[in-house]
N, C-alpha and C. Protein backbone atom coordinates (compact mmCIF):
# COMPACT_ATOMS: atom_id res chain seq x y z
N MET A 1 0.00 21.49 -8.08
CA MET A 1 1.31 21.11 -7.55
C MET A 1 1.30 21.02 -6.04
N LYS A 2 0.60 21.94 -5.36
CA LYS A 2 0.54 21.89 -3.90
C LYS A 2 -0.11 20.61 -3.41
N LYS A 3 -1.16 20.16 -4.13
CA LYS A 3 -1.81 18.92 -3.74
C LYS A 3 -0.87 17.74 -3.91
N LEU A 4 -0.07 17.76 -4.97
CA LEU A 4 0.87 16.67 -5.20
C LEU A 4 1.91 16.62 -4.10
N LEU A 5 2.38 17.78 -3.63
CA LEU A 5 3.35 17.82 -2.56
C LEU A 5 2.74 17.24 -1.28
N PHE A 6 1.47 17.55 -1.05
CA PHE A 6 0.77 17.00 0.12
C PHE A 6 0.74 15.49 0.06
N TRP A 7 0.39 14.93 -1.10
CA TRP A 7 0.31 13.48 -1.21
C TRP A 7 1.67 12.82 -1.14
N MET A 8 2.72 13.53 -1.57
CA MET A 8 4.06 12.98 -1.42
C MET A 8 4.40 12.79 0.04
N VAL A 9 3.96 13.72 0.89
CA VAL A 9 4.17 13.59 2.33
C VAL A 9 3.43 12.37 2.85
N LEU A 10 2.21 12.14 2.37
CA LEU A 10 1.45 10.97 2.78
C LEU A 10 2.19 9.69 2.41
N VAL A 11 2.72 9.64 1.20
CA VAL A 11 3.42 8.45 0.74
C VAL A 11 4.61 8.15 1.63
N VAL A 12 5.41 9.15 1.94
CA VAL A 12 6.59 8.95 2.78
C VAL A 12 6.20 8.41 4.14
N GLY A 13 5.17 9.01 4.75
CA GLY A 13 4.72 8.56 6.06
C GLY A 13 4.24 7.14 6.04
N THR A 14 3.52 6.76 5.00
CA THR A 14 2.99 5.41 4.91
C THR A 14 4.10 4.39 4.72
N VAL A 15 5.06 4.69 3.85
CA VAL A 15 6.15 3.76 3.60
C VAL A 15 6.96 3.51 4.86
N VAL A 16 7.23 4.56 5.61
CA VAL A 16 8.00 4.41 6.85
C VAL A 16 7.27 3.51 7.83
N LEU A 17 5.97 3.71 7.98
CA LEU A 17 5.20 2.90 8.90
C LEU A 17 5.13 1.46 8.44
N LEU A 18 4.94 1.23 7.16
CA LEU A 18 4.84 -0.14 6.65
C LEU A 18 6.12 -0.91 6.91
N GLY A 19 7.26 -0.25 6.79
CA GLY A 19 8.51 -0.93 7.09
C GLY A 19 8.56 -1.38 8.54
N SER A 20 8.08 -0.51 9.44
CA SER A 20 8.04 -0.86 10.85
C SER A 20 7.09 -2.01 11.12
N CYS A 21 5.91 -1.97 10.51
CA CYS A 21 4.92 -3.03 10.71
C CYS A 21 5.43 -4.36 10.18
N ALA A 22 6.13 -4.33 9.07
CA ALA A 22 6.62 -5.57 8.48
C ALA A 22 7.54 -6.31 9.43
N LYS A 23 8.37 -5.56 10.15
CA LYS A 23 9.31 -6.19 11.06
C LYS A 23 8.61 -6.80 12.27
N LYS A 24 7.35 -6.37 12.53
CA LYS A 24 6.61 -6.92 13.65
C LYS A 24 5.63 -8.00 13.22
N GLU A 25 5.66 -8.33 11.94
CA GLU A 25 4.65 -9.22 11.38
C GLU A 25 4.61 -10.56 12.10
N GLU A 26 5.76 -11.09 12.50
CA GLU A 26 5.78 -12.42 13.06
C GLU A 26 5.00 -12.51 14.37
N THR A 27 4.70 -11.37 15.01
CA THR A 27 3.97 -11.39 16.27
C THR A 27 2.47 -11.28 16.07
N ASP A 28 2.05 -11.06 14.83
CA ASP A 28 0.64 -10.86 14.53
C ASP A 28 0.18 -11.95 13.58
N ASP A 29 -0.47 -12.99 14.09
CA ASP A 29 -0.71 -14.18 13.29
C ASP A 29 -2.14 -14.33 12.81
N ALA A 30 -2.96 -13.26 12.90
CA ALA A 30 -4.32 -13.35 12.37
C ALA A 30 -4.24 -13.36 10.85
N ALA A 31 -4.71 -14.41 10.21
CA ALA A 31 -4.56 -14.56 8.76
C ALA A 31 -5.62 -13.78 8.00
N ALA A 32 -5.25 -13.34 6.80
CA ALA A 32 -6.22 -12.69 5.92
C ALA A 32 -7.19 -13.75 5.39
N THR A 33 -8.49 -13.47 5.46
CA THR A 33 -9.47 -14.47 5.07
C THR A 33 -10.38 -14.02 3.93
N SER A 34 -10.17 -12.82 3.40
CA SER A 34 -11.00 -12.34 2.30
C SER A 34 -10.19 -11.37 1.46
N CYS A 35 -10.83 -10.85 0.40
CA CYS A 35 -10.13 -9.90 -0.45
C CYS A 35 -9.82 -8.60 0.29
N ALA A 36 -10.65 -8.24 1.27
CA ALA A 36 -10.49 -7.04 2.10
C ALA A 36 -10.67 -5.74 1.32
N THR A 37 -9.95 -5.56 0.22
CA THR A 37 -10.04 -4.33 -0.57
C THR A 37 -11.24 -4.36 -1.51
N ASP A 38 -11.73 -3.18 -1.87
CA ASP A 38 -12.79 -3.09 -2.87
C ASP A 38 -12.25 -2.79 -4.27
N THR A 39 -10.93 -2.78 -4.40
CA THR A 39 -10.31 -2.57 -5.71
C THR A 39 -10.52 -3.81 -6.58
N THR A 40 -10.95 -3.62 -7.80
CA THR A 40 -11.20 -4.74 -8.71
C THR A 40 -9.90 -5.22 -9.35
N ALA A 41 -9.63 -6.51 -9.21
CA ALA A 41 -8.45 -7.10 -9.84
C ALA A 41 -8.74 -7.40 -11.31
N SER A 42 -7.72 -7.21 -12.15
CA SER A 42 -7.88 -7.46 -13.58
C SER A 42 -6.52 -7.69 -14.21
N GLY A 43 -6.47 -8.56 -15.21
CA GLY A 43 -5.22 -8.78 -15.94
C GLY A 43 -4.22 -9.61 -15.15
N SER A 44 -3.01 -9.70 -15.67
CA SER A 44 -1.95 -10.46 -15.02
C SER A 44 -0.60 -9.93 -15.49
N ILE A 45 0.42 -10.17 -14.67
CA ILE A 45 1.77 -9.72 -14.97
C ILE A 45 2.71 -10.91 -14.83
N THR A 46 3.48 -11.21 -15.86
CA THR A 46 4.43 -12.32 -15.82
C THR A 46 5.73 -11.86 -15.19
N VAL A 47 6.15 -12.60 -14.16
CA VAL A 47 7.42 -12.32 -13.48
C VAL A 47 8.23 -13.61 -13.49
N GLY A 48 9.19 -13.71 -14.40
CA GLY A 48 9.93 -14.94 -14.56
C GLY A 48 9.01 -16.06 -15.01
N SER A 49 9.00 -17.15 -14.28
CA SER A 49 8.13 -18.28 -14.60
C SER A 49 6.79 -18.22 -13.87
N GLU A 50 6.57 -17.16 -13.10
CA GLU A 50 5.35 -17.03 -12.31
C GLU A 50 4.43 -15.96 -12.90
N THR A 51 3.17 -16.03 -12.53
CA THR A 51 2.19 -15.04 -12.96
C THR A 51 1.59 -14.36 -11.74
N MET A 52 1.63 -13.05 -11.73
CA MET A 52 1.08 -12.26 -10.64
C MET A 52 -0.31 -11.75 -11.06
N SER A 53 -1.33 -12.11 -10.29
CA SER A 53 -2.69 -11.68 -10.60
C SER A 53 -3.54 -11.72 -9.34
N GLY A 54 -4.65 -11.00 -9.36
CA GLY A 54 -5.57 -11.02 -8.23
C GLY A 54 -5.15 -10.09 -7.10
N VAL A 55 -5.55 -10.48 -5.87
CA VAL A 55 -5.31 -9.68 -4.67
C VAL A 55 -4.40 -10.43 -3.72
N TYR A 56 -3.36 -9.75 -3.25
CA TYR A 56 -2.44 -10.32 -2.27
C TYR A 56 -2.54 -9.51 -0.97
N LEU A 57 -2.59 -10.21 0.16
CA LEU A 57 -2.72 -9.55 1.45
C LEU A 57 -1.65 -10.03 2.42
N SER A 58 -1.21 -9.10 3.27
CA SER A 58 -0.36 -9.48 4.39
C SER A 58 -1.24 -10.09 5.48
N THR A 59 -0.64 -10.52 6.56
CA THR A 59 -1.43 -10.88 7.73
C THR A 59 -2.00 -9.60 8.34
N CYS A 60 -3.02 -9.75 9.17
CA CYS A 60 -3.57 -8.61 9.90
C CYS A 60 -2.54 -8.20 10.95
N ASN A 61 -2.10 -6.96 10.88
CA ASN A 61 -0.97 -6.52 11.69
C ASN A 61 -1.40 -5.46 12.69
N THR A 62 -1.09 -5.67 13.96
CA THR A 62 -1.46 -4.71 15.00
C THR A 62 -0.36 -3.70 15.30
N GLY A 63 0.78 -3.82 14.62
CA GLY A 63 1.88 -2.90 14.86
C GLY A 63 1.53 -1.45 14.54
N ILE A 64 0.55 -1.26 13.66
CA ILE A 64 0.13 0.09 13.27
C ILE A 64 -0.38 0.91 14.45
N ALA A 65 -0.89 0.25 15.49
CA ALA A 65 -1.47 0.96 16.63
C ALA A 65 -0.49 1.94 17.26
N ALA A 66 0.80 1.64 17.14
CA ALA A 66 1.81 2.50 17.74
C ALA A 66 1.85 3.88 17.08
N SER A 67 1.36 4.00 15.84
CA SER A 67 1.38 5.28 15.12
C SER A 67 0.00 5.93 15.04
N ALA A 68 -0.99 5.35 15.70
CA ALA A 68 -2.33 5.93 15.67
C ALA A 68 -2.31 7.37 16.17
N GLY A 69 -3.01 8.25 15.44
CA GLY A 69 -3.10 9.65 15.83
C GLY A 69 -1.98 10.51 15.30
N THR A 70 -1.09 9.95 14.46
CA THR A 70 -0.02 10.73 13.86
C THR A 70 -0.16 10.77 12.35
N GLN A 71 0.28 11.85 11.73
CA GLN A 71 0.19 12.05 10.29
C GLN A 71 -1.21 11.65 9.77
N ILE A 72 -1.28 10.69 8.82
CA ILE A 72 -2.58 10.33 8.27
C ILE A 72 -3.26 9.21 9.04
N PHE A 73 -2.64 8.71 10.10
CA PHE A 73 -3.14 7.53 10.79
C PHE A 73 -4.10 7.91 11.91
N PRO A 74 -5.40 7.59 11.75
CA PRO A 74 -6.40 8.00 12.73
C PRO A 74 -6.14 7.42 14.11
N SER A 75 -6.64 8.11 15.14
CA SER A 75 -6.44 7.64 16.51
C SER A 75 -7.24 6.39 16.81
N ASP A 76 -8.21 6.06 15.95
CA ASP A 76 -9.01 4.85 16.21
C ASP A 76 -8.42 3.60 15.55
N VAL A 77 -7.25 3.71 14.90
CA VAL A 77 -6.66 2.57 14.20
C VAL A 77 -5.97 1.62 15.17
N LYS A 78 -6.28 0.33 15.03
CA LYS A 78 -5.67 -0.69 15.88
C LYS A 78 -5.02 -1.82 15.08
N SER A 79 -5.30 -1.91 13.77
CA SER A 79 -4.69 -2.96 12.96
C SER A 79 -4.77 -2.58 11.48
N GLY A 80 -4.11 -3.38 10.64
CA GLY A 80 -4.17 -3.08 9.21
C GLY A 80 -3.60 -4.19 8.35
N TYR A 81 -3.99 -4.19 7.08
CA TYR A 81 -3.43 -5.07 6.06
C TYR A 81 -2.61 -4.22 5.10
N MET A 82 -1.57 -4.80 4.53
CA MET A 82 -0.94 -4.28 3.33
C MET A 82 -1.48 -5.13 2.20
N ALA A 83 -1.88 -4.51 1.10
CA ALA A 83 -2.43 -5.24 -0.04
C ALA A 83 -1.74 -4.83 -1.33
N LEU A 84 -1.64 -5.77 -2.25
CA LEU A 84 -1.20 -5.49 -3.60
C LEU A 84 -2.24 -6.09 -4.54
N VAL A 85 -2.80 -5.26 -5.40
CA VAL A 85 -3.84 -5.70 -6.34
C VAL A 85 -3.33 -5.49 -7.76
N VAL A 86 -3.36 -6.53 -8.55
CA VAL A 86 -3.03 -6.40 -9.97
C VAL A 86 -4.27 -5.85 -10.67
N THR A 87 -4.16 -4.66 -11.24
CA THR A 87 -5.31 -3.99 -11.83
C THR A 87 -5.27 -3.95 -13.36
N GLY A 88 -4.22 -4.53 -13.94
CA GLY A 88 -4.10 -4.57 -15.39
C GLY A 88 -2.85 -5.34 -15.78
N ASP A 89 -2.62 -5.49 -17.07
CA ASP A 89 -1.44 -6.24 -17.52
C ASP A 89 -0.14 -5.49 -17.27
N ALA A 90 -0.23 -4.22 -16.90
CA ALA A 90 0.97 -3.45 -16.56
C ALA A 90 0.64 -2.44 -15.46
N ALA A 91 -0.23 -2.83 -14.52
CA ALA A 91 -0.66 -1.90 -13.48
C ALA A 91 -0.98 -2.63 -12.18
N ILE A 92 -0.64 -1.99 -11.06
CA ILE A 92 -0.97 -2.52 -9.74
C ILE A 92 -1.46 -1.39 -8.85
N SER A 93 -2.08 -1.77 -7.74
CA SER A 93 -2.45 -0.83 -6.69
C SER A 93 -1.83 -1.33 -5.39
N GLU A 94 -0.99 -0.50 -4.77
CA GLU A 94 -0.40 -0.83 -3.48
C GLU A 94 -1.23 -0.14 -2.41
N GLU A 95 -1.73 -0.89 -1.44
CA GLU A 95 -2.73 -0.36 -0.53
C GLU A 95 -2.42 -0.65 0.93
N PHE A 96 -2.87 0.27 1.78
CA PHE A 96 -2.80 0.08 3.22
C PHE A 96 -4.23 0.22 3.75
N LEU A 97 -4.75 -0.86 4.34
CA LEU A 97 -6.12 -0.91 4.81
C LEU A 97 -6.12 -0.89 6.33
N MET A 98 -6.69 0.14 6.92
CA MET A 98 -6.63 0.34 8.37
C MET A 98 -7.99 0.06 9.02
N TYR A 99 -7.94 -0.46 10.26
CA TYR A 99 -9.16 -0.89 10.95
C TYR A 99 -9.19 -0.41 12.40
N THR A 100 -10.40 -0.34 12.94
CA THR A 100 -10.59 0.18 14.30
C THR A 100 -10.50 -0.90 15.37
N ASP A 101 -10.34 -2.16 14.96
CA ASP A 101 -10.22 -3.26 15.92
C ASP A 101 -8.94 -4.04 15.63
N THR A 102 -8.64 -4.99 16.48
CA THR A 102 -7.38 -5.73 16.35
C THR A 102 -7.47 -6.93 15.42
N THR A 103 -8.65 -7.15 14.79
CA THR A 103 -8.82 -8.30 13.90
C THR A 103 -9.10 -7.90 12.46
N CYS A 104 -8.82 -6.65 12.11
CA CYS A 104 -9.01 -6.15 10.74
C CYS A 104 -10.43 -6.41 10.24
N SER A 105 -11.42 -5.98 11.04
CA SER A 105 -12.83 -6.21 10.69
C SER A 105 -13.59 -4.93 10.35
N THR A 106 -13.38 -3.87 11.12
CA THR A 106 -14.14 -2.63 10.95
C THR A 106 -13.25 -1.54 10.36
N PRO A 107 -13.50 -1.12 9.11
CA PRO A 107 -12.60 -0.16 8.44
C PRO A 107 -12.54 1.20 9.11
N SER A 108 -11.36 1.78 9.08
CA SER A 108 -11.15 3.15 9.52
C SER A 108 -10.72 4.03 8.34
N LEU A 109 -9.69 3.59 7.62
CA LEU A 109 -9.14 4.38 6.53
C LEU A 109 -8.48 3.47 5.50
N THR A 110 -8.65 3.77 4.23
CA THR A 110 -7.93 3.05 3.18
C THR A 110 -7.07 4.03 2.39
N TYR A 111 -5.87 3.59 2.08
CA TYR A 111 -4.90 4.40 1.32
C TYR A 111 -4.43 3.56 0.15
N LYS A 112 -4.57 4.08 -1.08
CA LYS A 112 -4.23 3.32 -2.28
C LYS A 112 -3.29 4.14 -3.17
N GLN A 113 -2.18 3.53 -3.55
CA GLN A 113 -1.22 4.15 -4.47
C GLN A 113 -1.21 3.39 -5.78
N GLY A 114 -1.68 4.01 -6.83
CA GLY A 114 -1.69 3.37 -8.13
C GLY A 114 -0.31 3.35 -8.76
N ARG A 115 -0.01 2.29 -9.51
CA ARG A 115 1.25 2.16 -10.24
C ARG A 115 0.93 1.73 -11.68
N THR A 116 1.43 2.44 -12.66
CA THR A 116 1.21 2.10 -14.06
C THR A 116 2.54 1.82 -14.75
N ASP A 117 2.48 1.37 -16.00
CA ASP A 117 3.68 1.07 -16.78
C ASP A 117 4.60 0.10 -16.03
N PHE A 118 4.00 -0.89 -15.38
CA PHE A 118 4.76 -1.87 -14.60
C PHE A 118 5.55 -2.77 -15.55
N THR A 119 6.87 -2.69 -15.47
CA THR A 119 7.75 -3.40 -16.40
C THR A 119 8.72 -4.28 -15.63
N VAL A 120 8.80 -5.54 -16.01
CA VAL A 120 9.69 -6.49 -15.34
C VAL A 120 11.01 -6.58 -16.10
N GLY A 121 12.10 -6.44 -15.36
CA GLY A 121 13.43 -6.50 -15.96
C GLY A 121 14.14 -7.81 -15.65
N SER A 122 15.43 -7.72 -15.42
CA SER A 122 16.26 -8.91 -15.24
C SER A 122 16.14 -9.50 -13.84
N ALA A 123 16.52 -10.78 -13.74
CA ALA A 123 16.46 -11.49 -12.46
C ALA A 123 17.77 -11.36 -11.70
N SER A 124 17.65 -11.37 -10.37
CA SER A 124 18.79 -11.45 -9.48
C SER A 124 18.43 -12.49 -8.43
N GLY A 125 18.80 -13.72 -8.70
CA GLY A 125 18.34 -14.81 -7.85
C GLY A 125 16.85 -15.00 -8.05
N SER A 126 16.09 -15.01 -6.96
CA SER A 126 14.64 -15.15 -7.04
C SER A 126 13.93 -13.80 -7.16
N ASN A 127 14.69 -12.72 -7.16
CA ASN A 127 14.11 -11.37 -7.26
C ASN A 127 14.23 -10.84 -8.68
N TYR A 128 13.26 -10.01 -9.06
CA TYR A 128 13.27 -9.39 -10.38
C TYR A 128 13.22 -7.88 -10.25
N ALA A 129 14.04 -7.22 -11.05
CA ALA A 129 14.01 -5.76 -11.10
C ALA A 129 12.73 -5.32 -11.80
N VAL A 130 12.08 -4.30 -11.28
CA VAL A 130 10.88 -3.76 -11.91
C VAL A 130 10.94 -2.24 -11.90
N THR A 131 10.27 -1.65 -12.87
CA THR A 131 10.05 -0.20 -12.86
C THR A 131 8.57 0.05 -13.04
N TYR A 132 8.10 1.18 -12.53
CA TYR A 132 6.70 1.58 -12.71
C TYR A 132 6.59 3.07 -12.46
N LYS A 133 5.45 3.62 -12.81
CA LYS A 133 5.20 5.04 -12.60
C LYS A 133 4.09 5.25 -11.58
N ALA A 134 4.27 6.26 -10.75
CA ALA A 134 3.25 6.60 -9.77
C ALA A 134 2.05 7.23 -10.48
N SER A 135 0.86 6.76 -10.13
CA SER A 135 -0.35 7.38 -10.71
C SER A 135 -1.24 7.88 -9.57
N ALA A 136 -2.53 7.70 -9.66
CA ALA A 136 -3.44 8.31 -8.69
C ALA A 136 -3.27 7.75 -7.28
N VAL A 137 -3.36 8.65 -6.30
CA VAL A 137 -3.44 8.28 -4.90
C VAL A 137 -4.90 8.45 -4.47
N LYS A 138 -5.44 7.43 -3.79
CA LYS A 138 -6.83 7.48 -3.34
C LYS A 138 -6.90 7.22 -1.85
N VAL A 139 -7.62 8.08 -1.14
CA VAL A 139 -7.78 7.94 0.31
C VAL A 139 -9.26 7.98 0.66
N LYS A 140 -9.70 7.00 1.49
CA LYS A 140 -11.11 6.98 1.90
C LYS A 140 -11.22 6.79 3.41
N PRO A 141 -11.73 7.81 4.11
CA PRO A 141 -12.01 7.63 5.54
C PRO A 141 -13.35 6.91 5.71
N SER A 142 -13.40 5.96 6.63
CA SER A 142 -14.65 5.24 6.89
C SER A 142 -15.26 5.61 8.23
N THR A 143 -14.57 6.43 9.01
CA THR A 143 -15.10 6.89 10.29
C THR A 143 -14.91 8.41 10.40
N ASP A 144 -15.68 9.03 11.29
CA ASP A 144 -15.53 10.46 11.53
C ASP A 144 -14.14 10.76 12.09
N VAL A 145 -13.61 9.85 12.89
CA VAL A 145 -12.27 10.03 13.45
C VAL A 145 -11.24 10.08 12.33
N ALA A 146 -11.37 9.17 11.37
CA ALA A 146 -10.43 9.14 10.24
C ALA A 146 -10.54 10.43 9.41
N LYS A 147 -11.75 10.87 9.14
CA LYS A 147 -11.94 12.11 8.38
C LYS A 147 -11.30 13.29 9.11
N SER A 148 -11.51 13.37 10.41
CA SER A 148 -10.95 14.47 11.19
C SER A 148 -9.43 14.46 11.15
N GLN A 149 -8.85 13.26 11.18
CA GLN A 149 -7.39 13.15 11.12
C GLN A 149 -6.86 13.66 9.78
N LEU A 150 -7.51 13.27 8.69
CA LEU A 150 -7.09 13.74 7.37
C LEU A 150 -7.28 15.25 7.23
N ASP A 151 -8.41 15.76 7.72
CA ASP A 151 -8.67 17.20 7.67
C ASP A 151 -7.57 17.96 8.41
N ALA A 152 -7.22 17.48 9.60
CA ALA A 152 -6.22 18.15 10.42
C ALA A 152 -4.85 18.10 9.76
N PHE A 153 -4.52 16.95 9.16
CA PHE A 153 -3.22 16.82 8.52
C PHE A 153 -3.13 17.71 7.30
N ALA A 154 -4.21 17.77 6.52
CA ALA A 154 -4.22 18.65 5.35
C ALA A 154 -4.05 20.10 5.77
N THR A 155 -4.75 20.51 6.81
CA THR A 155 -4.65 21.88 7.30
C THR A 155 -3.23 22.19 7.78
N SER A 156 -2.62 21.23 8.48
CA SER A 156 -1.28 21.45 9.02
C SER A 156 -0.23 21.62 7.93
N THR A 157 -0.52 21.08 6.74
CA THR A 157 0.43 21.21 5.62
C THR A 157 0.01 22.30 4.64
N GLY A 158 -1.03 23.07 5.02
CA GLY A 158 -1.45 24.20 4.19
C GLY A 158 -2.20 23.85 2.94
N GLN A 159 -2.83 22.66 2.90
CA GLN A 159 -3.52 22.21 1.71
C GLN A 159 -5.04 22.32 1.87
N SER A 160 -5.71 22.54 0.75
CA SER A 160 -7.16 22.61 0.73
C SER A 160 -7.71 21.38 0.03
N LEU A 161 -8.10 20.38 0.81
CA LEU A 161 -8.62 19.12 0.27
C LEU A 161 -9.89 18.76 1.01
N THR A 162 -10.81 18.12 0.31
CA THR A 162 -12.09 17.75 0.90
C THR A 162 -12.16 16.24 1.08
N PHE A 163 -12.47 15.81 2.28
CA PHE A 163 -12.64 14.39 2.59
C PHE A 163 -14.06 14.14 3.06
N THR A 164 -14.63 13.02 2.64
CA THR A 164 -15.99 12.65 3.01
C THR A 164 -16.00 11.21 3.50
N VAL A 165 -16.64 10.97 4.63
CA VAL A 165 -16.71 9.61 5.15
C VAL A 165 -17.41 8.70 4.13
N GLY A 166 -16.77 7.60 3.80
CA GLY A 166 -17.34 6.64 2.86
C GLY A 166 -17.04 6.91 1.40
N SER A 167 -16.30 7.98 1.10
CA SER A 167 -15.98 8.32 -0.29
C SER A 167 -14.47 8.49 -0.46
N GLU A 168 -13.98 8.13 -1.66
CA GLU A 168 -12.56 8.28 -1.96
C GLU A 168 -12.25 9.68 -2.47
N THR A 169 -11.17 10.25 -1.97
CA THR A 169 -10.60 11.46 -2.53
C THR A 169 -9.40 11.03 -3.36
N SER A 170 -9.38 11.42 -4.63
CA SER A 170 -8.35 10.97 -5.55
C SER A 170 -7.55 12.16 -6.08
N VAL A 171 -6.24 12.01 -6.10
CA VAL A 171 -5.35 13.03 -6.63
C VAL A 171 -4.36 12.37 -7.57
N THR A 172 -4.18 12.92 -8.76
CA THR A 172 -3.21 12.38 -9.72
C THR A 172 -1.80 12.63 -9.22
N ASP A 173 -1.01 11.57 -9.16
CA ASP A 173 0.36 11.69 -8.68
C ASP A 173 1.25 12.21 -9.80
N SER A 174 2.54 12.34 -9.51
CA SER A 174 3.48 13.03 -10.41
C SER A 174 3.84 12.24 -11.66
N GLY A 175 3.62 10.91 -11.64
CA GLY A 175 4.00 10.09 -12.78
C GLY A 175 5.48 9.79 -12.85
N SER A 176 6.20 10.03 -11.76
CA SER A 176 7.64 9.78 -11.75
C SER A 176 7.93 8.28 -11.78
N THR A 177 9.07 7.90 -12.35
CA THR A 177 9.46 6.50 -12.44
C THR A 177 10.06 6.02 -11.13
N LYS A 178 9.65 4.83 -10.70
CA LYS A 178 10.17 4.21 -9.48
C LYS A 178 10.88 2.90 -9.86
N TYR A 179 11.89 2.55 -9.08
CA TYR A 179 12.65 1.33 -9.29
C TYR A 179 12.51 0.44 -8.05
N ASN A 180 12.32 -0.87 -8.28
CA ASN A 180 12.12 -1.75 -7.14
C ASN A 180 12.51 -3.17 -7.49
N LEU A 181 12.40 -4.05 -6.49
CA LEU A 181 12.57 -5.49 -6.66
C LEU A 181 11.28 -6.17 -6.25
N VAL A 182 10.96 -7.28 -6.92
CA VAL A 182 9.78 -8.06 -6.56
C VAL A 182 10.13 -9.54 -6.61
N SER A 183 9.60 -10.29 -5.66
CA SER A 183 9.77 -11.74 -5.63
C SER A 183 8.38 -12.36 -5.65
N VAL A 184 8.14 -13.25 -6.62
CA VAL A 184 6.80 -13.82 -6.81
C VAL A 184 6.87 -15.35 -6.81
N THR A 185 5.97 -15.98 -6.06
CA THR A 185 5.79 -17.43 -6.13
C THR A 185 4.36 -17.69 -6.60
N SER A 186 3.95 -18.93 -6.61
CA SER A 186 2.59 -19.25 -7.06
C SER A 186 1.54 -18.69 -6.12
N THR A 187 1.92 -18.36 -4.88
CA THR A 187 0.93 -17.88 -3.90
C THR A 187 1.31 -16.60 -3.19
N THR A 188 2.53 -16.10 -3.38
CA THR A 188 2.97 -14.92 -2.63
C THR A 188 3.64 -13.87 -3.51
N VAL A 189 3.64 -12.64 -3.00
CA VAL A 189 4.37 -11.52 -3.61
C VAL A 189 5.10 -10.78 -2.49
N GLN A 190 6.34 -10.42 -2.76
CA GLN A 190 7.11 -9.62 -1.81
C GLN A 190 7.81 -8.52 -2.58
N THR A 191 7.70 -7.29 -2.10
CA THR A 191 8.34 -6.16 -2.76
C THR A 191 9.32 -5.50 -1.81
N GLY A 192 10.27 -4.75 -2.38
CA GLY A 192 11.23 -4.03 -1.58
C GLY A 192 10.82 -2.58 -1.39
N ASP A 193 11.76 -1.75 -0.98
CA ASP A 193 11.53 -0.31 -0.84
C ASP A 193 11.89 0.35 -2.17
N SER A 194 10.93 1.01 -2.79
CA SER A 194 11.16 1.62 -4.10
C SER A 194 12.16 2.77 -4.00
N SER A 195 12.83 3.02 -5.12
CA SER A 195 13.81 4.09 -5.21
C SER A 195 13.47 4.99 -6.39
N ASP A 196 13.86 6.25 -6.29
CA ASP A 196 13.64 7.19 -7.39
C ASP A 196 14.75 7.14 -8.42
N SER A 197 15.85 6.44 -8.10
CA SER A 197 17.02 6.56 -8.97
C SER A 197 17.62 5.25 -9.47
N ALA A 198 17.51 4.17 -8.68
CA ALA A 198 18.16 2.93 -9.08
C ALA A 198 17.49 1.72 -8.43
N THR A 199 17.61 0.56 -9.05
CA THR A 199 17.03 -0.66 -8.50
C THR A 199 17.74 -1.03 -7.20
N PRO A 200 17.00 -1.32 -6.13
CA PRO A 200 17.64 -1.76 -4.88
C PRO A 200 18.47 -3.01 -5.11
N THR A 201 19.50 -3.20 -4.32
CA THR A 201 20.37 -4.36 -4.48
C THR A 201 19.77 -5.62 -3.86
N SER A 202 18.83 -5.46 -2.93
CA SER A 202 18.21 -6.61 -2.30
C SER A 202 16.89 -6.21 -1.68
N LEU A 203 16.06 -7.20 -1.37
CA LEU A 203 14.84 -6.94 -0.62
C LEU A 203 15.24 -6.61 0.82
N ASP A 204 14.62 -5.58 1.38
CA ASP A 204 14.91 -5.21 2.76
C ASP A 204 14.51 -6.34 3.70
N ASP A 205 15.26 -6.51 4.78
CA ASP A 205 14.95 -7.58 5.74
C ASP A 205 13.54 -7.46 6.30
N GLY A 206 13.03 -6.23 6.34
CA GLY A 206 11.70 -6.04 6.90
C GLY A 206 10.60 -5.99 5.86
N SER A 207 10.92 -6.31 4.60
CA SER A 207 9.90 -6.24 3.56
C SER A 207 8.79 -7.25 3.83
N LEU A 208 7.59 -6.88 3.43
CA LEU A 208 6.40 -7.62 3.80
C LEU A 208 5.99 -8.61 2.72
N SER A 209 5.77 -9.86 3.09
CA SER A 209 5.29 -10.86 2.16
C SER A 209 3.77 -10.90 2.21
N MET A 210 3.16 -10.89 1.03
CA MET A 210 1.70 -10.92 0.92
C MET A 210 1.26 -12.18 0.21
N THR A 211 0.20 -12.80 0.72
CA THR A 211 -0.30 -14.07 0.19
C THR A 211 -1.55 -13.84 -0.64
N LYS A 212 -1.67 -14.58 -1.74
CA LYS A 212 -2.85 -14.43 -2.62
C LYS A 212 -4.12 -14.75 -1.86
N ALA A 213 -5.04 -13.79 -1.82
CA ALA A 213 -6.27 -13.96 -1.06
C ALA A 213 -7.45 -14.30 -1.95
N CYS A 214 -7.47 -13.76 -3.17
CA CYS A 214 -8.55 -14.02 -4.10
C CYS A 214 -8.16 -13.55 -5.49
N GLN A 215 -8.90 -14.02 -6.47
CA GLN A 215 -8.63 -13.68 -7.86
C GLN A 215 -9.44 -12.46 -8.28
């Protein structure tokens, strides 16, 4: 249970930062040119008349640099991608990929939040209500700086967790149900801010649009 509480703190910190980065997206125009993530895509999810499959990436965003050295964000981070990977017919992985340069080339840290039991509900305009359950959280530091940041953050929250450069540390999440909105086109996916209690009424103005990068 203590480990789960630790990862809940990580999730909150990441979501807050992603919202901030999304609002700065228009100033960061370096396009995603590869899959970026090492998560294997599999299956597909039907959303209205569209099919969601493969890997979707945001643009390379430098807004993350403002939070470098805080919470789980290493001091060597200068840019990052938000990614959504369809990992099954009812599963996705929501990911934040951090880099030590401004062009999203050299990895620093990857953060992955698994989602299972992904269920599509009714439409509201071009948006669809969805529910899913939180599953495993995976974190992989790729630099000594990133490992040190995770070690320090774990210690500050009283948790005993082991991180290794180049390896993922995985913790099973609580399995709680989340409610959200998703908008899907033939080439893009956009999600809102998930809720623990009810479907959001609209996509947040700062929500991040991700473009299909590979199958």
